[in-house]
């Protein structure tokens, strides 16, 4: 148990110290444009647990995709990507539904490689982007492709 904890903390420390560089057109700012609403888009960034909880809807289970692993500065755009609940490609297995920790959420890419929040991923799906008084609300639903990125 102690060795596993040290490994998790080391990976988290590396992720917080690094910053992912998305491919052209895959940054959150590129994707979160009203002109992309309804289009198939690809975005890459750090998977973050959504609000410390896991609440799944008919669209799936939301996770934030952020440009960095640490705290996102105020005003920095993020988006929500919806993983279907279950096992298999492009899914999330929720091991503990009440106040889950990152290790209680097992995500899978297209090749069924497992990862947890704080990992870097590239996802492709349908963009839902709306303007609000507070800025843009941006989602990617109906994931067609999920790839664990190892920068």
N, C-alpha and C. Protein backbone atom coordinates (compact mmCIF):
# COMPACT_ATOMS: atom_id res chain seq x y z
N UNK A 1 0.83 -1.20 0.00
CA UNK A 1 0.00 0.00 0.00
C UNK A 1 0.87 1.26 0.00
N UNK A 2 1.90 1.27 0.84
CA UNK A 2 2.77 2.44 0.92
C UNK A 2 3.47 2.68 -0.42
N UNK A 3 3.94 1.61 -1.05
CA UNK A 3 4.62 1.74 -2.35
C UNK A 3 3.67 2.31 -3.39
N UNK A 4 2.39 1.84 -3.41
CA UNK A 4 1.41 2.34 -4.36
C UNK A 4 1.17 3.83 -4.14
N UNK A 5 1.04 4.24 -2.87
CA UNK A 5 0.80 5.64 -2.55
C UNK A 5 1.97 6.50 -3.01
N UNK A 6 3.19 6.05 -2.77
CA UNK A 6 4.37 6.80 -3.20
C UNK A 6 4.37 6.93 -4.72
N UNK A 7 4.02 5.86 -5.43
CA UNK A 7 3.96 5.91 -6.89
C UNK A 7 2.92 6.89 -7.39
N UNK A 8 1.74 6.89 -6.77
CA UNK A 8 0.69 7.82 -7.18
C UNK A 8 1.13 9.25 -6.93
N UNK A 9 1.72 9.52 -5.77
CA UNK A 9 2.17 10.87 -5.46
C UNK A 9 3.28 11.32 -6.40
N UNK A 10 4.17 10.41 -6.79
CA UNK A 10 5.25 10.76 -7.72
C UNK A 10 4.68 11.15 -9.08
N UNK A 11 3.72 10.36 -9.57
CA UNK A 11 3.10 10.67 -10.86
C UNK A 11 2.37 12.00 -10.79
N UNK A 12 1.65 12.23 -9.69
CA UNK A 12 0.93 13.49 -9.55
C UNK A 12 1.91 14.67 -9.48
N UNK A 13 3.01 14.49 -8.81
CA UNK A 13 4.02 15.53 -8.72
C UNK A 13 4.62 15.85 -10.07
N UNK A 14 4.88 14.83 -10.88
CA UNK A 14 5.40 15.06 -12.22
C UNK A 14 4.39 15.81 -13.07
N UNK A 15 3.12 15.40 -12.96
CA UNK A 15 2.09 16.05 -13.76
C UNK A 15 1.93 17.51 -13.39
N UNK A 16 1.99 17.84 -12.10
CA UNK A 16 1.84 19.24 -11.70
C UNK A 16 3.04 20.07 -12.14
N UNK A 17 4.19 19.44 -12.29
CA UNK A 17 5.38 20.18 -12.67
C UNK A 17 5.49 20.39 -14.16
N UNK A 18 4.71 19.66 -14.95
CA UNK A 18 4.81 19.73 -16.40
C UNK A 18 3.57 20.40 -16.98
N UNK A 19 3.70 20.78 -18.22
CA UNK A 19 2.55 21.35 -18.93
C UNK A 19 2.46 20.70 -20.29
N UNK A 20 1.29 20.24 -20.62
CA UNK A 20 1.03 19.58 -21.89
C UNK A 20 0.94 20.61 -23.01
N UNK A 21 1.50 20.29 -24.16
CA UNK A 21 1.40 21.15 -25.34
C UNK A 21 0.53 20.45 -26.38
N UNK A 22 -0.73 20.90 -26.53
CA UNK A 22 -1.63 20.26 -27.50
C UNK A 22 -1.17 20.48 -28.93
N UNK A 23 -1.58 19.57 -29.81
CA UNK A 23 -1.34 19.74 -31.24
C UNK A 23 -2.14 20.94 -31.73
N UNK A 24 -1.76 21.47 -32.90
CA UNK A 24 -2.48 22.60 -33.49
C UNK A 24 -3.98 22.28 -33.60
N UNK A 25 -4.81 23.21 -33.15
CA UNK A 25 -6.25 23.06 -33.23
C UNK A 25 -6.87 22.23 -32.11
N UNK A 26 -6.05 21.65 -31.22
CA UNK A 26 -6.55 20.79 -30.15
C UNK A 26 -6.54 21.46 -28.78
N UNK A 27 -6.19 22.73 -28.72
CA UNK A 27 -6.21 23.38 -27.42
C UNK A 27 -7.65 23.66 -27.01
N UNK A 28 -7.87 23.82 -25.74
CA UNK A 28 -9.21 24.10 -25.24
C UNK A 28 -9.73 25.40 -25.82
N UNK A 29 -8.87 26.43 -25.91
CA UNK A 29 -9.30 27.70 -26.49
C UNK A 29 -9.69 27.55 -27.96
N UNK A 30 -8.99 26.68 -28.71
CA UNK A 30 -9.33 26.45 -30.11
C UNK A 30 -10.68 25.75 -30.25
N UNK A 31 -10.95 24.79 -29.38
CA UNK A 31 -12.16 23.97 -29.47
C UNK A 31 -13.38 24.70 -28.93
N UNK A 32 -13.21 25.44 -27.85
CA UNK A 32 -14.35 26.11 -27.18
C UNK A 32 -14.68 27.42 -27.88
N UNK A 33 -15.19 27.30 -29.09
CA UNK A 33 -15.64 28.42 -29.91
C UNK A 33 -17.09 28.13 -30.31
N UNK A 34 -17.94 29.13 -30.23
CA UNK A 34 -19.35 28.95 -30.59
C UNK A 34 -19.48 28.38 -32.00
N UNK A 35 -18.56 28.73 -32.88
CA UNK A 35 -18.60 28.22 -34.26
C UNK A 35 -18.39 26.71 -34.32
N UNK A 36 -17.88 26.09 -33.26
CA UNK A 36 -17.68 24.64 -33.23
C UNK A 36 -18.87 23.88 -32.68
N UNK A 37 -19.90 24.58 -32.20
CA UNK A 37 -21.06 23.90 -31.62
C UNK A 37 -21.66 22.92 -32.63
N UNK A 38 -21.82 21.67 -32.20
CA UNK A 38 -22.39 20.63 -33.05
C UNK A 38 -21.40 19.93 -33.95
N UNK A 39 -20.16 20.41 -34.00
CA UNK A 39 -19.13 19.80 -34.85
C UNK A 39 -18.35 18.75 -34.08
N UNK A 40 -17.74 17.82 -34.81
CA UNK A 40 -16.83 16.85 -34.21
C UNK A 40 -15.49 17.54 -34.03
N UNK A 41 -14.97 17.50 -32.80
CA UNK A 41 -13.72 18.18 -32.46
C UNK A 41 -12.79 17.22 -31.72
N UNK A 42 -11.52 17.56 -31.70
CA UNK A 42 -10.52 16.84 -30.90
C UNK A 42 -9.85 17.85 -30.00
N UNK A 43 -9.72 17.50 -28.74
CA UNK A 43 -9.09 18.36 -27.74
C UNK A 43 -8.19 17.51 -26.87
N UNK A 44 -7.11 18.12 -26.38
CA UNK A 44 -6.24 17.38 -25.47
C UNK A 44 -5.90 18.24 -24.27
N UNK A 45 -5.69 17.57 -23.15
CA UNK A 45 -5.36 18.25 -21.91
C UNK A 45 -5.40 17.28 -20.75
N UNK A 46 -5.34 17.83 -19.55
CA UNK A 46 -5.34 17.03 -18.33
C UNK A 46 -6.76 16.70 -17.91
N UNK A 47 -7.02 15.43 -17.63
CA UNK A 47 -8.31 15.00 -17.11
C UNK A 47 -8.34 15.36 -15.63
N UNK A 48 -9.40 16.05 -15.23
CA UNK A 48 -9.56 16.42 -13.82
C UNK A 48 -10.92 15.97 -13.34
N UNK A 49 -10.94 15.53 -12.11
CA UNK A 49 -12.19 15.12 -11.50
C UNK A 49 -13.12 16.33 -11.43
N UNK A 50 -14.36 16.14 -11.79
CA UNK A 50 -15.33 17.22 -11.87
C UNK A 50 -15.92 17.50 -10.50
N UNK A 51 -15.51 18.60 -9.88
CA UNK A 51 -16.09 19.04 -8.63
C UNK A 51 -15.95 18.10 -7.46
N UNK A 52 -15.01 17.15 -7.51
CA UNK A 52 -14.80 16.24 -6.38
C UNK A 52 -15.82 15.14 -6.28
N UNK A 53 -16.74 15.06 -7.24
CA UNK A 53 -17.76 14.02 -7.20
C UNK A 53 -17.88 13.38 -8.57
N UNK A 54 -18.68 12.38 -8.62
CA UNK A 54 -18.97 11.75 -9.90
C UNK A 54 -20.48 11.69 -10.04
N UNK A 55 -21.03 12.47 -10.94
CA UNK A 55 -22.46 12.39 -11.17
C UNK A 55 -22.67 12.19 -12.66
N UNK A 56 -23.20 11.02 -12.96
CA UNK A 56 -23.38 10.62 -14.35
C UNK A 56 -24.80 10.96 -14.80
N UNK A 57 -24.91 11.33 -16.08
CA UNK A 57 -26.20 11.64 -16.68
C UNK A 57 -26.38 10.78 -17.91
N UNK A 58 -27.42 11.05 -18.69
CA UNK A 58 -27.63 10.29 -19.92
C UNK A 58 -26.51 10.53 -20.93
N UNK A 59 -25.78 11.67 -20.80
CA UNK A 59 -24.65 11.96 -21.68
C UNK A 59 -23.38 11.24 -21.24
N UNK A 60 -23.34 10.75 -20.01
CA UNK A 60 -22.16 10.09 -19.47
C UNK A 60 -21.72 10.75 -18.17
N UNK A 61 -20.49 10.48 -17.78
CA UNK A 61 -19.92 11.01 -16.54
C UNK A 61 -18.95 12.12 -16.91
N UNK A 62 -19.18 13.34 -16.41
CA UNK A 62 -18.35 14.47 -16.82
C UNK A 62 -17.00 14.52 -16.10
N UNK A 63 -15.98 14.88 -16.86
CA UNK A 63 -14.65 15.16 -16.33
C UNK A 63 -14.18 16.44 -17.00
N UNK A 64 -13.51 17.29 -16.25
CA UNK A 64 -12.93 18.49 -16.84
C UNK A 64 -11.70 18.11 -17.65
N UNK A 65 -11.50 18.79 -18.74
CA UNK A 65 -10.24 18.73 -19.47
C UNK A 65 -9.65 20.12 -19.30
N UNK A 66 -8.44 20.19 -18.76
CA UNK A 66 -7.82 21.47 -18.44
C UNK A 66 -6.46 21.58 -19.09
N UNK A 67 -5.98 22.81 -19.32
CA UNK A 67 -4.68 23.00 -19.96
C UNK A 67 -3.50 22.66 -19.06
N UNK A 68 -3.72 22.54 -17.76
CA UNK A 68 -2.64 22.20 -16.83
C UNK A 68 -3.18 21.33 -15.73
N UNK A 69 -2.29 20.62 -15.05
CA UNK A 69 -2.70 19.69 -14.00
C UNK A 69 -3.03 20.40 -12.70
N UNK A 70 -2.35 21.48 -12.39
CA UNK A 70 -2.58 22.19 -11.14
C UNK A 70 -3.83 23.05 -11.22
N UNK A 71 -3.97 23.94 -10.28
CA UNK A 71 -5.13 24.84 -10.23
C UNK A 71 -5.19 25.67 -11.51
N UNK A 72 -6.36 25.70 -12.10
CA UNK A 72 -6.57 26.48 -13.31
C UNK A 72 -6.84 27.92 -12.90
N UNK A 73 -6.08 28.89 -13.43
CA UNK A 73 -6.29 30.29 -13.07
C UNK A 73 -7.71 30.76 -13.40
N UNK A 74 -8.23 31.67 -12.60
CA UNK A 74 -9.54 32.26 -12.88
C UNK A 74 -9.55 32.80 -14.30
N UNK A 75 -10.65 32.57 -14.99
CA UNK A 75 -10.78 33.06 -16.35
C UNK A 75 -10.25 32.11 -17.41
N UNK A 76 -9.50 31.08 -17.01
CA UNK A 76 -8.95 30.09 -17.96
C UNK A 76 -10.08 29.14 -18.38
N UNK A 77 -10.26 28.97 -19.66
CA UNK A 77 -11.32 28.11 -20.19
C UNK A 77 -11.00 26.64 -19.92
N UNK A 78 -11.98 25.89 -19.46
CA UNK A 78 -11.91 24.43 -19.38
C UNK A 78 -13.12 23.90 -20.13
N UNK A 79 -13.17 22.60 -20.30
CA UNK A 79 -14.35 21.99 -20.89
C UNK A 79 -14.64 20.69 -20.17
N UNK A 80 -15.82 20.19 -20.37
CA UNK A 80 -16.22 18.91 -19.78
C UNK A 80 -16.31 17.87 -20.88
N UNK A 81 -15.70 16.72 -20.65
CA UNK A 81 -15.82 15.58 -21.57
C UNK A 81 -16.60 14.50 -20.83
N UNK A 82 -17.53 13.87 -21.52
CA UNK A 82 -18.42 12.90 -20.90
C UNK A 82 -18.03 11.48 -21.30
N UNK A 83 -17.56 10.71 -20.32
CA UNK A 83 -17.20 9.30 -20.51
C UNK A 83 -18.41 8.46 -20.13
N UNK A 84 -18.70 7.41 -20.91
CA UNK A 84 -19.82 6.55 -20.53
C UNK A 84 -19.40 5.73 -19.31
N UNK A 85 -20.36 5.43 -18.45
CA UNK A 85 -20.06 4.65 -17.26
C UNK A 85 -20.03 3.17 -17.61
N UNK A 86 -19.03 2.45 -17.09
CA UNK A 86 -18.92 1.02 -17.32
C UNK A 86 -17.49 0.61 -17.55
N UNK A 87 -17.33 -0.50 -18.24
CA UNK A 87 -16.01 -1.02 -18.59
C UNK A 87 -15.91 -1.04 -20.11
N UNK A 88 -14.70 -1.07 -20.61
CA UNK A 88 -14.50 -1.09 -22.05
C UNK A 88 -13.94 0.23 -22.54
N UNK A 89 -13.79 0.35 -23.86
CA UNK A 89 -13.21 1.56 -24.43
C UNK A 89 -14.02 2.82 -24.12
N UNK A 90 -13.32 3.94 -23.92
CA UNK A 90 -13.94 5.26 -23.72
C UNK A 90 -14.93 5.29 -22.56
N UNK A 91 -14.54 4.67 -21.45
CA UNK A 91 -15.46 4.58 -20.33
C UNK A 91 -14.79 4.94 -19.02
N UNK A 92 -15.61 5.06 -17.98
CA UNK A 92 -15.13 5.25 -16.62
C UNK A 92 -15.82 4.23 -15.73
N UNK A 93 -15.03 3.55 -14.93
CA UNK A 93 -15.56 2.64 -13.92
C UNK A 93 -15.45 3.38 -12.59
N UNK A 94 -16.59 3.60 -11.95
CA UNK A 94 -16.64 4.31 -10.68
C UNK A 94 -16.61 3.27 -9.57
N UNK A 95 -15.44 3.14 -8.90
CA UNK A 95 -15.27 2.12 -7.87
C UNK A 95 -15.91 2.53 -6.55
N UNK A 96 -16.02 3.82 -6.31
CA UNK A 96 -16.64 4.34 -5.09
C UNK A 96 -17.44 5.58 -5.49
N UNK A 97 -18.77 5.48 -5.39
CA UNK A 97 -19.60 6.57 -5.91
C UNK A 97 -19.76 7.75 -4.96
N UNK A 98 -19.58 7.54 -3.67
CA UNK A 98 -19.74 8.63 -2.72
C UNK A 98 -18.39 9.28 -2.44
N UNK A 99 -18.25 10.53 -2.92
CA UNK A 99 -17.01 11.30 -2.73
C UNK A 99 -15.76 10.52 -3.16
N UNK A 100 -15.71 10.09 -4.42
CA UNK A 100 -14.57 9.27 -4.87
C UNK A 100 -13.27 10.06 -4.97
N UNK A 101 -12.19 9.39 -4.64
CA UNK A 101 -10.84 9.94 -4.84
C UNK A 101 -10.43 9.61 -6.28
N UNK A 102 -9.39 10.27 -6.81
CA UNK A 102 -8.97 9.98 -8.19
C UNK A 102 -8.73 8.49 -8.47
N UNK A 103 -8.19 7.77 -7.50
CA UNK A 103 -7.91 6.35 -7.71
C UNK A 103 -9.19 5.50 -7.72
N UNK A 104 -10.33 6.08 -7.33
CA UNK A 104 -11.62 5.37 -7.36
C UNK A 104 -12.30 5.51 -8.72
N UNK A 105 -11.70 6.26 -9.64
CA UNK A 105 -12.26 6.49 -10.96
C UNK A 105 -11.29 5.93 -12.00
N UNK A 106 -11.64 4.80 -12.59
CA UNK A 106 -10.77 4.13 -13.55
C UNK A 106 -11.29 4.43 -14.95
N UNK A 107 -10.55 5.26 -15.67
CA UNK A 107 -10.92 5.62 -17.04
C UNK A 107 -10.18 4.71 -18.00
N UNK A 108 -10.75 4.52 -19.20
CA UNK A 108 -10.12 3.67 -20.21
C UNK A 108 -10.13 4.40 -21.56
N UNK A 109 -9.01 4.24 -22.29
CA UNK A 109 -8.94 4.82 -23.63
C UNK A 109 -9.43 3.80 -24.65
N UNK A 110 -9.26 4.08 -25.94
CA UNK A 110 -9.73 3.17 -26.99
C UNK A 110 -9.11 1.78 -26.88
N UNK A 111 -7.84 1.71 -26.47
CA UNK A 111 -7.15 0.43 -26.33
C UNK A 111 -7.35 -0.20 -24.97
N UNK A 112 -8.25 0.37 -24.17
CA UNK A 112 -8.58 -0.07 -22.82
C UNK A 112 -7.42 0.06 -21.84
N UNK A 113 -6.44 0.94 -22.18
CA UNK A 113 -5.42 1.28 -21.18
C UNK A 113 -6.11 2.10 -20.10
N UNK A 114 -5.81 1.80 -18.86
CA UNK A 114 -6.47 2.51 -17.77
C UNK A 114 -5.65 3.71 -17.33
N UNK A 115 -6.37 4.72 -16.84
CA UNK A 115 -5.73 5.92 -16.31
C UNK A 115 -6.69 6.55 -15.30
N UNK A 116 -6.20 7.53 -14.58
CA UNK A 116 -6.97 8.23 -13.55
C UNK A 116 -6.91 9.72 -13.82
N UNK A 117 -7.77 10.50 -13.14
CA UNK A 117 -7.64 11.95 -13.26
C UNK A 117 -6.21 12.41 -13.01
N UNK A 118 -5.78 13.43 -13.69
CA UNK A 118 -4.46 14.06 -13.73
C UNK A 118 -3.65 13.55 -14.93
N UNK A 119 -4.15 12.53 -15.63
CA UNK A 119 -3.49 12.05 -16.84
C UNK A 119 -3.79 13.00 -18.00
N UNK A 120 -2.97 12.95 -19.04
CA UNK A 120 -3.19 13.74 -20.24
C UNK A 120 -3.86 12.84 -21.29
N UNK A 121 -4.95 13.35 -21.87
CA UNK A 121 -5.68 12.58 -22.88
C UNK A 121 -5.99 13.45 -24.08
N UNK A 122 -6.30 12.77 -25.17
CA UNK A 122 -6.80 13.41 -26.39
C UNK A 122 -8.16 12.76 -26.63
N UNK A 123 -9.21 13.58 -26.72
CA UNK A 123 -10.55 13.05 -26.93
C UNK A 123 -11.18 13.69 -28.17
N UNK A 124 -11.98 12.89 -28.86
CA UNK A 124 -12.72 13.35 -30.02
C UNK A 124 -14.19 13.06 -29.78
N UNK A 125 -15.03 14.05 -30.03
CA UNK A 125 -16.48 13.90 -29.87
C UNK A 125 -17.19 15.13 -30.38
N UNK A 126 -18.47 15.20 -30.10
CA UNK A 126 -19.32 16.30 -30.56
C UNK A 126 -19.24 17.46 -29.57
N UNK A 127 -18.91 18.66 -30.08
CA UNK A 127 -18.81 19.86 -29.24
C UNK A 127 -20.20 20.43 -28.97
N UNK A 128 -20.38 20.85 -27.75
CA UNK A 128 -21.57 21.62 -27.34
C UNK A 128 -21.02 22.88 -26.69
N UNK A 129 -21.16 24.01 -27.36
CA UNK A 129 -20.60 25.28 -26.88
C UNK A 129 -21.70 26.33 -26.86
N UNK A 130 -21.88 26.97 -25.70
CA UNK A 130 -22.90 28.01 -25.58
C UNK A 130 -22.30 29.22 -24.87
N UNK A 131 -22.71 30.39 -25.33
CA UNK A 131 -22.32 31.63 -24.66
C UNK A 131 -23.27 31.88 -23.50
N UNK A 132 -22.70 32.29 -22.37
CA UNK A 132 -23.50 32.67 -21.20
C UNK A 132 -22.98 34.02 -20.71
N UNK A 133 -23.65 34.58 -19.73
CA UNK A 133 -23.18 35.85 -19.16
C UNK A 133 -21.79 35.70 -18.56
N UNK A 134 -21.46 34.51 -18.07
CA UNK A 134 -20.17 34.27 -17.45
C UNK A 134 -19.09 33.81 -18.41
N UNK A 135 -19.36 33.76 -19.70
CA UNK A 135 -18.38 33.30 -20.67
C UNK A 135 -18.94 32.17 -21.51
N UNK A 136 -18.12 31.18 -21.79
CA UNK A 136 -18.54 30.04 -22.60
C UNK A 136 -18.68 28.79 -21.73
N UNK A 137 -19.71 28.00 -22.03
CA UNK A 137 -19.86 26.68 -21.44
C UNK A 137 -19.55 25.70 -22.56
N UNK A 138 -18.61 24.80 -22.31
CA UNK A 138 -18.08 23.95 -23.37
C UNK A 138 -18.06 22.49 -22.93
N UNK A 139 -18.65 21.62 -23.76
CA UNK A 139 -18.71 20.19 -23.48
C UNK A 139 -18.29 19.41 -24.73
N UNK A 140 -17.78 18.20 -24.52
CA UNK A 140 -17.57 17.25 -25.61
C UNK A 140 -18.31 15.98 -25.20
N UNK A 141 -19.30 15.60 -26.00
CA UNK A 141 -20.12 14.43 -25.68
C UNK A 141 -19.99 13.40 -26.80
N UNK A 142 -20.53 12.21 -26.54
CA UNK A 142 -20.50 11.15 -27.56
C UNK A 142 -19.09 10.84 -28.01
N UNK A 143 -18.21 10.56 -27.05
CA UNK A 143 -16.80 10.36 -27.38
C UNK A 143 -16.61 9.27 -28.43
N UNK A 144 -15.92 9.61 -29.49
CA UNK A 144 -15.61 8.69 -30.59
C UNK A 144 -14.19 8.14 -30.47
N UNK A 145 -13.34 8.88 -29.76
CA UNK A 145 -11.93 8.49 -29.63
C UNK A 145 -11.39 9.04 -28.32
N UNK A 146 -10.70 8.19 -27.58
CA UNK A 146 -9.99 8.60 -26.37
C UNK A 146 -8.61 7.96 -26.42
N UNK A 147 -7.59 8.79 -26.28
CA UNK A 147 -6.20 8.31 -26.34
C UNK A 147 -5.43 8.87 -25.15
N UNK A 148 -4.81 7.99 -24.39
CA UNK A 148 -3.93 8.41 -23.31
C UNK A 148 -2.67 8.97 -23.95
N UNK A 149 -2.30 10.19 -23.60
CA UNK A 149 -1.13 10.85 -24.19
C UNK A 149 0.01 10.79 -23.20
N UNK A 150 1.14 10.34 -23.68
CA UNK A 150 2.32 10.26 -22.81
C UNK A 150 3.36 11.24 -23.32
N UNK A 151 3.24 12.50 -22.85
CA UNK A 151 4.19 13.55 -23.24
C UNK A 151 5.56 13.28 -22.68
